[in-house]
């Protein structure tokens, strides 16, 4: 796990096991679901939000910014897939995650 200490604040760049399990429980479609597009979008959104907090303290961290842009692109592709294949799930997910 990567932890960065900045101005007496701890920022996790990787999701902890408990937080990840909690997100999967909230968004899973069936009992053993860990990899559906809905779950993946939720996990990516959590990582994007934590990186966004990191950039408030470190605006010149351009290497991590590239990683953030790659995560945003991946989430966008998952959302386009959901919109095309399951529009109802897409709308529910957008509302639940407060995207757009």
PDB file of N, CA and C in Angstrom:
ATOM      1  N   UNK A   1       0.846  -1.172   0.000  1.00  0.00           N
ATOM      2  CA  UNK A   1       0.000   0.000   0.000  1.00  0.00           C
ATOM      3  C   UNK A   1       0.888   1.230   0.000  1.00  0.00           C
ATOM      4  N   UNK A   2       0.537   2.210  -0.803  1.00  0.00           N
ATOM      5  CA  UNK A   2       1.293   3.441  -0.895  1.00  0.00           C
ATOM      6  C   UNK A   2       0.622   4.482  -0.023  1.00  0.00           C
ATOM      7  N   UNK A   3       1.373   5.003   0.932  1.00  0.00           N
ATOM      8  CA  UNK A   3       0.854   6.058   1.791  1.00  0.00           C
ATOM      9  C   UNK A   3       1.754   7.269   1.647  1.00  0.00           C
ATOM     10  N   UNK A   4       1.164   8.404   1.558  1.00  0.00           N
ATOM     11  CA  UNK A   4       1.910   9.648   1.478  1.00  0.00           C
ATOM     12  C   UNK A   4       1.499  10.494   2.665  1.00  0.00           C
ATOM     13  N   UNK A   5       2.492  11.011   3.372  1.00  0.00           N
ATOM     14  CA  UNK A   5       2.211  11.885   4.504  1.00  0.00           C
ATOM     15  C   UNK A   5       2.502  13.312   4.070  1.00  0.00           C
ATOM     16  N   UNK A   6       1.516  14.150   4.154  1.00  0.00           N
ATOM     17  CA  UNK A   6       1.649  15.514   3.704  1.00  0.00           C
ATOM     18  C   UNK A   6       0.977  16.442   4.702  1.00  0.00           C
ATOM     19  N   UNK A   7       1.751  17.338   5.272  1.00  0.00           N
ATOM     20  CA  UNK A   7       1.226  18.331   6.212  1.00  0.00           C
ATOM     21  C   UNK A   7       0.342  17.670   7.263  1.00  0.00           C
ATOM     22  N   UNK A   8       0.891  16.637   7.895  1.00  0.00           N
ATOM     23  CA  UNK A   8       0.218  15.900   8.965  1.00  0.00           C
ATOM     24  C   UNK A   8      -1.076  15.223   8.505  1.00  0.00           C
ATOM     25  N   UNK A   9      -1.230  15.018   7.203  1.00  0.00           N
ATOM     26  CA  UNK A   9      -2.373  14.283   6.672  1.00  0.00           C
ATOM     27  C   UNK A   9      -1.858  13.046   5.972  1.00  0.00           C
ATOM     28  N   UNK A  10      -2.581  11.962   6.110  1.00  0.00           N
ATOM     29  CA  UNK A  10      -2.219  10.720   5.443  1.00  0.00           C
ATOM     30  C   UNK A  10      -3.139  10.531   4.250  1.00  0.00           C
ATOM     31  N   UNK A  11      -2.553  10.333   3.084  1.00  0.00           N
ATOM     32  CA  UNK A  11      -3.320  10.136   1.864  1.00  0.00           C
ATOM     33  C   UNK A  11      -2.979   8.761   1.310  1.00  0.00           C
ATOM     34  N   UNK A  12      -3.973   7.915   1.121  1.00  0.00           N
ATOM     35  CA  UNK A  12      -3.776   6.595   0.530  1.00  0.00           C
ATOM     36  C   UNK A  12      -4.021   6.673  -0.964  1.00  0.00           C
ATOM     37  N   UNK A  13      -3.024   6.262  -1.741  1.00  0.00           N
ATOM     38  CA  UNK A  13      -3.203   6.253  -3.187  1.00  0.00           C
ATOM     39  C   UNK A  13      -3.763   4.927  -3.677  1.00  0.00           C
ATOM     40  N   UNK A  14      -3.777   3.936  -2.808  1.00  0.00           N
ATOM     41  CA  UNK A  14      -4.331   2.628  -3.131  1.00  0.00           C
ATOM     42  C   UNK A  14      -5.468   2.358  -2.150  1.00  0.00           C
ATOM     43  N   UNK A  15      -6.551   1.779  -2.636  1.00  0.00           N
ATOM     44  CA  UNK A  15      -7.687   1.498  -1.763  1.00  0.00           C
ATOM     45  C   UNK A  15      -7.335   0.417  -0.749  1.00  0.00           C
ATOM     46  N   UNK A  16      -7.731   0.634   0.481  1.00  0.00           N
ATOM     47  CA  UNK A  16      -7.520  -0.381   1.505  1.00  0.00           C
ATOM     48  C   UNK A  16      -8.516  -1.515   1.298  1.00  0.00           C
ATOM     49  N   UNK A  17      -8.167  -2.684   1.850  1.00  0.00           N
ATOM     50  CA  UNK A  17      -9.001  -3.872   1.682  1.00  0.00           C
ATOM     51  C   UNK A  17     -10.427  -3.640   2.169  1.00  0.00           C
ATOM     52  N   UNK A  18     -10.559  -3.057   3.351  1.00  0.00           N
ATOM     53  CA  UNK A  18     -11.895  -2.855   3.930  1.00  0.00           C
ATOM     54  C   UNK A  18     -12.726  -1.892   3.097  1.00  0.00           C
ATOM     55  N   UNK A  19     -12.115  -0.804   2.634  1.00  0.00           N
ATOM     56  CA  UNK A  19     -12.835   0.173   1.829  1.00  0.00           C
ATOM     57  C   UNK A  19     -13.270  -0.445   0.506  1.00  0.00           C
ATOM     58  N   UNK A  20     -12.377  -1.236  -0.094  1.00  0.00           N
ATOM     59  CA  UNK A  20     -12.688  -1.888  -1.362  1.00  0.00           C
ATOM     60  C   UNK A  20     -13.831  -2.879  -1.183  1.00  0.00           C
ATOM     61  N   UNK A  21     -13.781  -3.672  -0.113  1.00  0.00           N
ATOM     62  CA  UNK A  21     -14.840  -4.644   0.167  1.00  0.00           C
ATOM     63  C   UNK A  21     -16.180  -3.933   0.375  1.00  0.00           C
ATOM     64  N   UNK A  22     -16.140  -2.807   1.061  1.00  0.00           N
ATOM     65  CA  UNK A  22     -17.356  -2.029   1.324  1.00  0.00           C
ATOM     66  C   UNK A  22     -17.969  -1.515   0.012  1.00  0.00           C
ATOM     67  N   UNK A  23     -17.143  -1.028  -0.888  1.00  0.00           N
ATOM     68  CA  UNK A  23     -17.626  -0.527  -2.179  1.00  0.00           C
ATOM     69  C   UNK A  23     -18.223  -1.667  -2.996  1.00  0.00           C
ATOM     70  N   UNK A  24     -17.553  -2.813  -2.998  1.00  0.00           N
ATOM     71  CA  UNK A  24     -18.057  -3.968  -3.742  1.00  0.00           C
ATOM     72  C   UNK A  24     -19.410  -4.400  -3.193  1.00  0.00           C
ATOM     73  N   UNK A  25     -19.560  -4.411  -1.862  1.00  0.00           N
ATOM     74  CA  UNK A  25     -20.839  -4.789  -1.247  1.00  0.00           C
ATOM     75  C   UNK A  25     -21.959  -3.830  -1.648  1.00  0.00           C
ATOM     76  N   UNK A  26     -21.639  -2.547  -1.753  1.00  0.00           N
ATOM     77  CA  UNK A  26     -22.657  -1.556  -2.105  1.00  0.00           C
ATOM     78  C   UNK A  26     -23.120  -1.662  -3.554  1.00  0.00           C
ATOM     79  N   UNK A  27     -22.223  -2.057  -4.463  1.00  0.00           N
ATOM     80  CA  UNK A  27     -22.531  -1.978  -5.886  1.00  0.00           C
ATOM     81  C   UNK A  27     -22.660  -3.323  -6.591  1.00  0.00           C
ATOM     82  N   UNK A  28     -22.468  -4.445  -5.890  1.00  0.00           N
ATOM     83  CA  UNK A  28     -22.500  -5.731  -6.572  1.00  0.00           C
ATOM     84  C   UNK A  28     -23.905  -6.052  -7.095  1.00  0.00           C
ATOM     85  N   UNK A  29     -23.936  -6.800  -8.180  1.00  0.00           N
ATOM     86  CA  UNK A  29     -25.192  -7.147  -8.831  1.00  0.00           C
ATOM     87  C   UNK A  29     -25.720  -8.480  -8.307  1.00  0.00           C
ATOM     88  N   UNK A  30     -24.818  -9.422  -8.073  1.00  0.00           N
ATOM     89  CA  UNK A  30     -25.194 -10.723  -7.516  1.00  0.00           C
ATOM     90  C   UNK A  30     -24.199 -11.094  -6.419  1.00  0.00           C
ATOM     91  N   UNK A  31     -24.357 -12.222  -5.800  1.00  0.00           N
ATOM     92  CA  UNK A  31     -23.606 -12.611  -4.613  1.00  0.00           C
ATOM     93  C   UNK A  31     -22.094 -12.596  -4.737  1.00  0.00           C
ATOM     94  N   UNK A  32     -21.562 -13.086  -5.845  1.00  0.00           N
ATOM     95  CA  UNK A  32     -20.116 -13.196  -5.987  1.00  0.00           C
ATOM     96  C   UNK A  32     -19.555 -12.184  -6.981  1.00  0.00           C
ATOM     97  N   UNK A  33     -20.258 -11.125  -7.215  1.00  0.00           N
ATOM     98  CA  UNK A  33     -19.870 -10.122  -8.206  1.00  0.00           C
ATOM     99  C   UNK A  33     -18.746  -9.244  -7.680  1.00  0.00           C
ATOM    100  N   UNK A  34     -17.594  -9.283  -8.343  1.00  0.00           N
ATOM    101  CA  UNK A  34     -16.492  -8.382  -7.987  1.00  0.00           C
ATOM    102  C   UNK A  34     -15.931  -7.665  -9.200  1.00  0.00           C
ATOM    103  N   UNK A  35     -16.375  -8.022 -10.395  1.00  0.00           N
ATOM    104  CA  UNK A  35     -15.751  -7.454 -11.572  1.00  0.00           C
ATOM    105  C   UNK A  35     -16.678  -6.888 -12.608  1.00  0.00           C
ATOM    106  N   UNK A  36     -17.948  -6.725 -12.293  1.00  0.00           N
ATOM    107  CA  UNK A  36     -18.867  -6.166 -13.285  1.00  0.00           C
ATOM    108  C   UNK A  36     -18.524  -4.701 -13.535  1.00  0.00           C
ATOM    109  N   UNK A  37     -19.033  -4.173 -14.619  1.00  0.00           N
ATOM    110  CA  UNK A  37     -18.728  -2.794 -14.988  1.00  0.00           C
ATOM    111  C   UNK A  37     -19.180  -1.811 -13.911  1.00  0.00           C
ATOM    112  N   UNK A  38     -20.290  -2.096 -13.270  1.00  0.00           N
ATOM    113  CA  UNK A  38     -20.811  -1.210 -12.222  1.00  0.00           C
ATOM    114  C   UNK A  38     -19.832  -1.147 -11.052  1.00  0.00           C
ATOM    115  N   UNK A  39     -19.338  -2.292 -10.620  1.00  0.00           N
ATOM    116  CA  UNK A  39     -18.389  -2.345  -9.511  1.00  0.00           C
ATOM    117  C   UNK A  39     -17.081  -1.670  -9.914  1.00  0.00           C
ATOM    118  N   UNK A  40     -16.618  -1.912 -11.131  1.00  0.00           N
ATOM    119  CA  UNK A  40     -15.372  -1.309 -11.591  1.00  0.00           C
ATOM    120  C   UNK A  40     -15.469   0.214 -11.620  1.00  0.00           C
ATOM    121  N   UNK A  41     -16.591   0.742 -12.074  1.00  0.00           N
ATOM    122  CA  UNK A  41     -16.768   2.197 -12.107  1.00  0.00           C
ATOM    123  C   UNK A  41     -16.749   2.762 -10.686  1.00  0.00           C
ATOM    124  N   UNK A  42     -17.379   2.080  -9.755  1.00  0.00           N
ATOM    125  CA  UNK A  42     -17.403   2.554  -8.371  1.00  0.00           C
ATOM    126  C   UNK A  42     -15.998   2.565  -7.774  1.00  0.00           C
ATOM    127  N   UNK A  43     -15.217   1.514  -8.029  1.00  0.00           N
ATOM    128  CA  UNK A  43     -13.852   1.459  -7.513  1.00  0.00           C
ATOM    129  C   UNK A  43     -12.968   2.535  -8.148  1.00  0.00           C
ATOM    130  N   UNK A  44     -13.112   2.711  -9.449  1.00  0.00           N
ATOM    131  CA  UNK A  44     -12.333   3.751 -10.129  1.00  0.00           C
ATOM    132  C   UNK A  44     -12.704   5.140  -9.618  1.00  0.00           C
ATOM    133  N   UNK A  45     -13.979   5.362  -9.365  1.00  0.00           N
ATOM    134  CA  UNK A  45     -14.416   6.658  -8.856  1.00  0.00           C
ATOM    135  C   UNK A  45     -13.796   6.949  -7.493  1.00  0.00           C
ATOM    136  N   UNK A  46     -13.722   5.951  -6.643  1.00  0.00           N
ATOM    137  CA  UNK A  46     -13.114   6.131  -5.327  1.00  0.00           C
ATOM    138  C   UNK A  46     -11.631   6.474  -5.461  1.00  0.00           C
ATOM    139  N   UNK A  47     -10.931   5.780  -6.349  1.00  0.00           N
ATOM    140  CA  UNK A  47      -9.510   6.080  -6.564  1.00  0.00           C
ATOM    141  C   UNK A  47      -9.319   7.474  -7.143  1.00  0.00           C
ATOM    142  N   UNK A  48     -10.185   7.868  -8.070  1.00  0.00           N
ATOM    143  CA  UNK A  48     -10.099   9.200  -8.675  1.00  0.00           C
ATOM    144  C   UNK A  48     -10.322  10.271  -7.616  1.00  0.00           C
ATOM    145  N   UNK A  49     -11.288  10.052  -6.736  1.00  0.00           N
ATOM    146  CA  UNK A  49     -11.556  11.029  -5.677  1.00  0.00           C
ATOM    147  C   UNK A  49     -10.382  11.159  -4.720  1.00  0.00           C
ATOM    148  N   UNK A  50      -9.725  10.049  -4.385  1.00  0.00           N
ATOM    149  CA  UNK A  50      -8.583  10.138  -3.473  1.00  0.00           C
ATOM    150  C   UNK A  50      -7.403  10.834  -4.145  1.00  0.00           C
ATOM    151  N   UNK A  51      -7.203  10.586  -5.436  1.00  0.00           N
ATOM    152  CA  UNK A  51      -6.133  11.291  -6.147  1.00  0.00           C
ATOM    153  C   UNK A  51      -6.427  12.778  -6.278  1.00  0.00           C
ATOM    154  N   UNK A  52      -7.675  13.125  -6.437  1.00  0.00           N
ATOM    155  CA  UNK A  52      -8.047  14.533  -6.518  1.00  0.00           C
ATOM    156  C   UNK A  52      -7.695  15.251  -5.222  1.00  0.00           C
ATOM    157  N   UNK A  53      -7.919  14.595  -4.090  1.00  0.00           N
ATOM    158  CA  UNK A  53      -7.529  15.167  -2.796  1.00  0.00           C
ATOM    159  C   UNK A  53      -6.015  15.330  -2.718  1.00  0.00           C
ATOM    160  N   UNK A  54      -5.277  14.368  -3.248  1.00  0.00           N
ATOM    161  CA  UNK A  54      -3.817  14.429  -3.249  1.00  0.00           C
ATOM    162  C   UNK A  54      -3.327  15.658  -4.013  1.00  0.00           C
ATOM    163  N   UNK A  55      -3.984  15.975  -5.122  1.00  0.00           N
ATOM    164  CA  UNK A  55      -3.546  17.099  -5.948  1.00  0.00           C
ATOM    165  C   UNK A  55      -3.841  18.457  -5.328  1.00  0.00           C
ATOM    166  N   UNK A  56      -4.708  18.506  -4.335  1.00  0.00           N
ATOM    167  CA  UNK A  56      -4.936  19.772  -3.638  1.00  0.00           C
ATOM    168  C   UNK A  56      -3.698  20.181  -2.849  1.00  0.00           C
ATOM    169  N   UNK A  57      -2.953  19.190  -2.353  1.00  0.00           N
ATOM    170  CA  UNK A  57      -1.727  19.475  -1.615  1.00  0.00           C
ATOM    171  C   UNK A  57      -0.497  19.473  -2.511  1.00  0.00           C
ATOM    172  N   UNK A  58      -0.545  18.753  -3.621  1.00  0.00           N
ATOM    173  CA  UNK A  58       0.614  18.588  -4.504  1.00  0.00           C
ATOM    174  C   UNK A  58       0.243  18.922  -5.942  1.00  0.00           C
ATOM    175  N   UNK A  59       0.072  20.190  -6.268  1.00  0.00           N
ATOM    176  CA  UNK A  59      -0.387  20.557  -7.611  1.00  0.00           C
ATOM    177  C   UNK A  59       0.631  20.275  -8.718  1.00  0.00           C
ATOM    178  N   UNK A  60       1.911  20.084  -8.383  1.00  0.00           N
ATOM    179  CA  UNK A  60       2.926  19.859  -9.413  1.00  0.00           C
ATOM    180  C   UNK A  60       3.314  18.390  -9.574  1.00  0.00           C
ATOM    181  N   UNK A  61       2.539  17.487  -9.030  1.00  0.00           N
ATOM    182  CA  UNK A  61       2.812  16.057  -9.146  1.00  0.00           C
ATOM    183  C   UNK A  61       2.278  15.563 -10.486  1.00  0.00           C
ATOM    184  N   UNK A  62       3.052  15.794 -11.530  1.00  0.00           N
ATOM    185  CA  UNK A  62       2.582  15.522 -12.879  1.00  0.00           C
ATOM    186  C   UNK A  62       2.579  14.033 -13.216  1.00  0.00           C
ATOM    187  N   UNK A  63       3.435  13.247 -12.573  1.00  0.00           N
ATOM    188  CA  UNK A  63       3.450  11.815 -12.848  1.00  0.00           C
ATOM    189  C   UNK A  63       2.161  11.162 -12.350  1.00  0.00           C
ATOM    190  N   UNK A  64       1.720  11.547 -11.176  1.00  0.00           N
ATOM    191  CA  UNK A  64       0.460  11.005 -10.660  1.00  0.00           C
ATOM    192  C   UNK A  64      -0.724  11.551 -11.446  1.00  0.00           C
ATOM    193  N   UNK A  65      -0.593  12.757 -11.964  1.00  0.00           N
ATOM    194  CA  UNK A  65      -1.669  13.339 -12.763  1.00  0.00           C
ATOM    195  C   UNK A  65      -1.905  12.508 -14.031  1.00  0.00           C
ATOM    196  N   UNK A  66      -0.828  11.987 -14.617  1.00  0.00           N
ATOM    197  CA  UNK A  66      -0.976  11.130 -15.788  1.00  0.00           C
ATOM    198  C   UNK A  66      -1.757   9.878 -15.416  1.00  0.00           C
ATOM    199  N   UNK A  67      -1.446   9.299 -14.265  1.00  0.00           N
ATOM    200  CA  UNK A  67      -2.187   8.134 -13.793  1.00  0.00           C
ATOM    201  C   UNK A  67      -3.653   8.455 -13.580  1.00  0.00           C
ATOM    202  N   UNK A  68      -3.918   9.641 -13.044  1.00  0.00           N
ATOM    203  CA  UNK A  68      -5.307  10.073 -12.838  1.00  0.00           C
ATOM    204  C   UNK A  68      -6.039  10.163 -14.168  1.00  0.00           C
ATOM    205  N   UNK A  69      -5.407  10.742 -15.164  1.00  0.00           N
ATOM    206  CA  UNK A  69      -6.045  10.866 -16.478  1.00  0.00           C
ATOM    207  C   UNK A  69      -6.307   9.500 -17.098  1.00  0.00           C
ATOM    208  N   UNK A  70      -5.418   8.537 -16.867  1.00  0.00           N
ATOM    209  CA  UNK A  70      -5.639   7.196 -17.371  1.00  0.00           C
ATOM    210  C   UNK A  70      -6.825   6.544 -16.665  1.00  0.00           C
ATOM    211  N   UNK A  71      -6.967   6.770 -15.352  1.00  0.00           N
ATOM    212  CA  UNK A  71      -8.106   6.234 -14.607  1.00  0.00           C
ATOM    213  C   UNK A  71      -9.415   6.846 -15.090  1.00  0.00           C
ATOM    214  N   UNK A  72      -9.397   8.150 -15.354  1.00  0.00           N
ATOM    215  CA  UNK A  72     -10.601   8.829 -15.843  1.00  0.00           C
ATOM    216  C   UNK A  72     -11.002   8.270 -17.209  1.00  0.00           C
ATOM    217  N   UNK A  73     -10.024   8.020 -18.070  1.00  0.00           N
ATOM    218  CA  UNK A  73     -10.320   7.440 -19.382  1.00  0.00           C
ATOM    219  C   UNK A  73     -10.897   6.045 -19.277  1.00  0.00           C
ATOM    220  N   UNK A  74     -10.349   5.238 -18.363  1.00  0.00           N
ATOM    221  CA  UNK A  74     -10.851   3.884 -18.176  1.00  0.00           C
ATOM    222  C   UNK A  74     -12.287   3.916 -17.662  1.00  0.00           C
ATOM    223  N   UNK A  75     -12.554   4.809 -16.698  1.00  0.00           N
ATOM    224  CA  UNK A  75     -13.918   4.931 -16.166  1.00  0.00           C
ATOM    225  C   UNK A  75     -14.875   5.381 -17.263  1.00  0.00           C
ATOM    226  N   UNK A  76     -14.422   6.288 -18.112  1.00  0.00           N
ATOM    227  CA  UNK A  76     -15.267   6.775 -19.208  1.00  0.00           C
ATOM    228  C   UNK A  76     -15.644   5.643 -20.161  1.00  0.00           C
ATOM    229  N   UNK A  77     -14.672   4.760 -20.453  1.00  0.00           N
ATOM    230  CA  UNK A  77     -14.958   3.631 -21.342  1.00  0.00           C
ATOM    231  C   UNK A  77     -15.955   2.665 -20.704  1.00  0.00           C
ATOM    232  N   UNK A  78     -15.816   2.404 -19.401  1.00  0.00           N
ATOM    233  CA  UNK A  78     -16.775   1.548 -18.701  1.00  0.00           C
ATOM    234  C   UNK A  78     -18.167   2.173 -18.737  1.00  0.00           C
ATOM    235  N   UNK A  79     -18.243   3.490 -18.534  1.00  0.00           N
ATOM    236  CA  UNK A  79     -19.544   4.160 -18.542  1.00  0.00           C
ATOM    237  C   UNK A  79     -20.186   4.124 -19.924  1.00  0.00           C
ATOM    238  N   UNK A  80     -19.379   4.286 -20.970  1.00  0.00           N
ATOM    239  CA  UNK A  80     -19.918   4.197 -22.330  1.00  0.00           C
ATOM    240  C   UNK A  80     -20.449   2.799 -22.606  1.00  0.00           C
ATOM    241  N   UNK A  81     -19.741   1.780 -22.132  1.00  0.00           N
ATOM    242  CA  UNK A  81     -20.194   0.397 -22.284  1.00  0.00           C
ATOM    243  C   UNK A  81     -21.527   0.194 -21.581  1.00  0.00           C
ATOM    244  N   UNK A  82     -21.619   0.682 -20.340  1.00  0.00           N
ATOM    245  CA  UNK A  82     -22.870   0.539 -19.588  1.00  0.00           C
ATOM    246  C   UNK A  82     -24.018   1.267 -20.268  1.00  0.00           C
ATOM    247  N   UNK A  83     -23.745   2.475 -20.754  1.00  0.00           N
ATOM    248  CA  UNK A  83     -24.790   3.262 -21.407  1.00  0.00           C
ATOM    249  C   UNK A  83     -25.330   2.553 -22.642  1.00  0.00           C
ATOM    250  N   UNK A  84     -24.430   1.898 -23.361  1.00  0.00           N
ATOM    251  CA  UNK A  84     -24.829   1.202 -24.583  1.00  0.00           C
ATOM    252  C   UNK A  84     -25.578  -0.096 -24.277  1.00  0.00           C
ATOM    253  N   UNK A  85     -25.150  -0.843 -23.255  1.00  0.00           N
ATOM    254  CA  UNK A  85     -25.696  -2.175 -23.009  1.00  0.00           C
ATOM    255  C   UNK A  85     -26.774  -2.242 -21.935  1.00  0.00           C
ATOM    256  N   UNK A  86     -26.747  -1.342 -20.957  1.00  0.00           N
ATOM    257  CA  UNK A  86     -27.726  -1.387 -19.874  1.00  0.00           C
ATOM    258  C   UNK A  86     -27.983   0.045 -19.390  1.00  0.00           C
ATOM    259  N   UNK A  87     -28.814   0.752 -20.125  1.00  0.00           N
ATOM    260  CA  UNK A  87     -29.035   2.167 -19.859  1.00  0.00           C
ATOM    261  C   UNK A  87     -29.636   2.418 -18.478  1.00  0.00           C
ATOM    262  N   UNK A  88     -30.477   1.509 -18.012  1.00  0.00           N
ATOM    263  CA  UNK A  88     -31.100   1.672 -16.698  1.00  0.00           C
ATOM    264  C   UNK A  88     -30.044   1.632 -15.590  1.00  0.00           C
ATOM    265  N   UNK A  89     -29.146   0.643 -15.634  1.00  0.00           N
ATOM    266  CA  UNK A  89     -28.060   0.541 -14.653  1.00  0.00           C
ATOM    267  C   UNK A  89     -27.156   1.766 -14.719  1.00  0.00           C
ATOM    268  N   UNK A  90     -26.901   2.234 -15.949  1.00  0.00           N
ATOM    269  CA  UNK A  90     -26.061   3.407 -16.159  1.00  0.00           C
ATOM    270  C   UNK A  90     -26.633   4.621 -15.432  1.00  0.00           C
ATOM    271  N   UNK A  91     -27.923   4.862 -15.607  1.00  0.00           N
ATOM    272  CA  UNK A  91     -28.555   6.022 -14.976  1.00  0.00           C
ATOM    273  C   UNK A  91     -28.560   5.905 -13.456  1.00  0.00           C
ATOM    274  N   UNK A  92     -28.799   4.694 -12.937  1.00  0.00           N
ATOM    275  CA  UNK A  92     -28.770   4.478 -11.496  1.00  0.00           C
ATOM    276  C   UNK A  92     -27.369   4.741 -10.933  1.00  0.00           C
ATOM    277  N   UNK A  93     -26.353   4.254 -11.642  1.00  0.00           N
ATOM    278  CA  UNK A  93     -24.974   4.405 -11.188  1.00  0.00           C
ATOM    279  C   UNK A  93     -24.553   5.871 -11.185  1.00  0.00           C
ATOM    280  N   UNK A  94     -24.904   6.583 -12.240  1.00  0.00           N
ATOM    281  CA  UNK A  94     -24.559   7.998 -12.337  1.00  0.00           C
ATOM    282  C   UNK A  94     -25.170   8.770 -11.164  1.00  0.00           C
ATOM    283  N   UNK A  95     -26.421   8.458 -10.858  1.00  0.00           N
ATOM    284  CA  UNK A  95     -27.107   9.135  -9.761  1.00  0.00           C
ATOM    285  C   UNK A  95     -26.489   8.780  -8.409  1.00  0.00           C
ATOM    286  N   UNK A  96     -26.176   7.492  -8.227  1.00  0.00           N
ATOM    287  CA  UNK A  96     -25.635   7.035  -6.947  1.00  0.00           C
ATOM    288  C   UNK A  96     -24.230   7.586  -6.667  1.00  0.00           C
ATOM    289  N   UNK A  97     -23.422   7.731  -7.720  1.00  0.00           N
ATOM    290  CA  UNK A  97     -22.052   8.222  -7.550  1.00  0.00           C
ATOM    291  C   UNK A  97     -21.917   9.737  -7.725  1.00  0.00           C
ATOM    292  N   UNK A  98     -23.016  10.413  -8.028  1.00  0.00           N
ATOM    293  CA  UNK A  98     -23.008  11.861  -8.250  1.00  0.00           C
ATOM    294  C   UNK A  98     -21.997  12.259  -9.336  1.00  0.00           C
ATOM    295  N   UNK A  99     -22.064  11.564 -10.463  1.00  0.00           N
ATOM    296  CA  UNK A  99     -21.200  11.903 -11.586  1.00  0.00           C
ATOM    297  C   UNK A  99     -21.947  12.813 -12.537  1.00  0.00           C
ATOM    298  N   UNK A 100     -21.255  13.708 -13.150  1.00  0.00           N
ATOM    299  CA  UNK A 100     -21.748  14.677 -14.136  1.00  0.00           C
ATOM    300  C   UNK A 100     -22.704  15.639 -13.555  1.00  0.00           C
TER     301      UNK A 100
END
